[in-house]
Structures are given as structure tokens and as C-alpha cells.
């Protein structure tokens, strides 16, 4: 029960992170023009790795 709840939470977090990245795309493009890089890709990669690690078990 705890395993499935943890897996569901990680999946939900991953999906929310991807959605946030899509929503922030225009802001990221403008920030990139100014010379600032937003760490959205790193957040998506980190949640994806956590979810994949949990689902392998």
C-alpha cells in the first residue's frame, strides 16, 4: 500500500513538473535572452529518475 502511494506521488510530481516546464516555457525563453537559465530541465530529470528508480523495485 505504501509502495503504490509512493509511486503514485512520484508520478504525480513528475507530471506536475513537466506541466510546470511547459507553462514556464515563455518565461524561460525570455530569461535565456537576458542570460539567465532556469533549472526546469534539471527538475524534470530529477523527478523522472526518482520515479524510474521507484518503479524498478
C-alpha atoms as a PDB file:
ATOM      1  CA  UNK A   1       0.000   0.000   0.000  1.00  0.00           C
ATOM      2  CA  UNK A   2       2.799   2.420   0.939  1.00  0.00           C
ATOM      3  CA  UNK A   3       4.725   1.428  -2.204  1.00  0.00           C
ATOM      4  CA  UNK A   4       1.826   2.217  -4.511  1.00  0.00           C
ATOM      5  CA  UNK A   5       1.160   5.510  -2.719  1.00  0.00           C
ATOM      6  CA  UNK A   6       4.821   6.475  -3.064  1.00  0.00           C
ATOM      7  CA  UNK A   7       4.831   5.513  -6.732  1.00  0.00           C
ATOM      8  CA  UNK A   8       1.639   7.490  -7.365  1.00  0.00           C
ATOM      9  CA  UNK A   9       3.063  10.515  -5.553  1.00  0.00           C
ATOM     10  CA  UNK A  10       6.271  10.394  -7.584  1.00  0.00           C
ATOM     11  CA  UNK A  11       4.342  10.008 -10.835  1.00  0.00           C
ATOM     12  CA  UNK A  12       2.115  12.956  -9.934  1.00  0.00           C
ATOM     13  CA  UNK A  13       5.142  15.056  -9.011  1.00  0.00           C
ATOM     14  CA  UNK A  14       6.784  14.163 -12.324  1.00  0.00           C
ATOM     15  CA  UNK A  15       3.679  15.112 -14.301  1.00  0.00           C
ATOM     16  CA  UNK A  16       3.334  18.409 -12.424  1.00  0.00           C
ATOM     17  CA  UNK A  17       6.990  19.200 -13.079  1.00  0.00           C
ATOM     18  CA  UNK A  18       6.550  18.561 -16.800  1.00  0.00           C
ATOM     19  CA  UNK A  19       3.421  20.744 -16.849  1.00  0.00           C
ATOM     20  CA  UNK A  20       5.263  23.493 -14.983  1.00  0.00           C
ATOM     21  CA  UNK A  21       8.071  23.316 -17.531  1.00  0.00           C
ATOM     22  CA  UNK A  22       5.590  23.729 -20.373  1.00  0.00           C
ATOM     23  CA  UNK A  23       3.848  26.649 -18.678  1.00  0.00           C
ATOM     24  CA  UNK A  24       7.167  28.350 -17.906  1.00  0.00           C
ATOM     25  CA  UNK A  25       8.494  27.981 -21.453  1.00  0.00           C
ATOM     26  CA  UNK A  26       7.778  31.593 -22.494  1.00  0.00           C
ATOM     27  CA  UNK A  27       9.381  32.867 -19.281  1.00  0.00           C
ATOM     28  CA  UNK A  28      12.388  30.611 -19.829  1.00  0.00           C
ATOM     29  CA  UNK A  29      12.824  31.890 -23.388  1.00  0.00           C
ATOM     30  CA  UNK A  30      12.783  35.497 -22.198  1.00  0.00           C
ATOM     31  CA  UNK A  31      15.130  34.710 -19.325  1.00  0.00           C
ATOM     32  CA  UNK A  32      17.506  32.961 -21.716  1.00  0.00           C
ATOM     33  CA  UNK A  33      17.651  36.081 -23.899  1.00  0.00           C
ATOM     34  CA  UNK A  34      18.695  38.064 -20.840  1.00  0.00           C
ATOM     35  CA  UNK A  35      21.309  35.444 -19.995  1.00  0.00           C
ATOM     36  CA  UNK A  36      19.592  33.610 -17.133  1.00  0.00           C
ATOM     37  CA  UNK A  37      18.995  29.868 -17.302  1.00  0.00           C
ATOM     38  CA  UNK A  38      16.096  28.393 -15.337  1.00  0.00           C
ATOM     39  CA  UNK A  39      16.697  24.922 -13.820  1.00  0.00           C
ATOM     40  CA  UNK A  40      13.450  23.418 -15.119  1.00  0.00           C
ATOM     41  CA  UNK A  41      15.178  20.665 -17.103  1.00  0.00           C
ATOM     42  CA  UNK A  42      17.137  19.566 -14.036  1.00  0.00           C
ATOM     43  CA  UNK A  43      13.906  19.370 -12.009  1.00  0.00           C
ATOM     44  CA  UNK A  44      12.241  17.232 -14.671  1.00  0.00           C
ATOM     45  CA  UNK A  45      15.270  14.937 -14.901  1.00  0.00           C
ATOM     46  CA  UNK A  46      15.455  14.539 -11.120  1.00  0.00           C
ATOM     47  CA  UNK A  47      11.781  13.629 -10.740  1.00  0.00           C
ATOM     48  CA  UNK A  48      11.980  11.279 -13.717  1.00  0.00           C
ATOM     49  CA  UNK A  49      14.970   9.458 -12.194  1.00  0.00           C
ATOM     50  CA  UNK A  50      13.225   9.167  -8.816  1.00  0.00           C
ATOM     51  CA  UNK A  51      10.081   7.765 -10.424  1.00  0.00           C
ATOM     52  CA  UNK A  52      12.021   5.292 -12.572  1.00  0.00           C
ATOM     53  CA  UNK A  53      14.060   4.105  -9.585  1.00  0.00           C
ATOM     54  CA  UNK A  54      10.903   3.516  -7.573  1.00  0.00           C
ATOM     55  CA  UNK A  55       9.117   1.653 -10.371  1.00  0.00           C
ATOM     56  CA  UNK A  56      12.072  -0.688 -10.941  1.00  0.00           C
ATOM     57  CA  UNK A  57      11.701  -2.107  -7.430  1.00  0.00           C
END
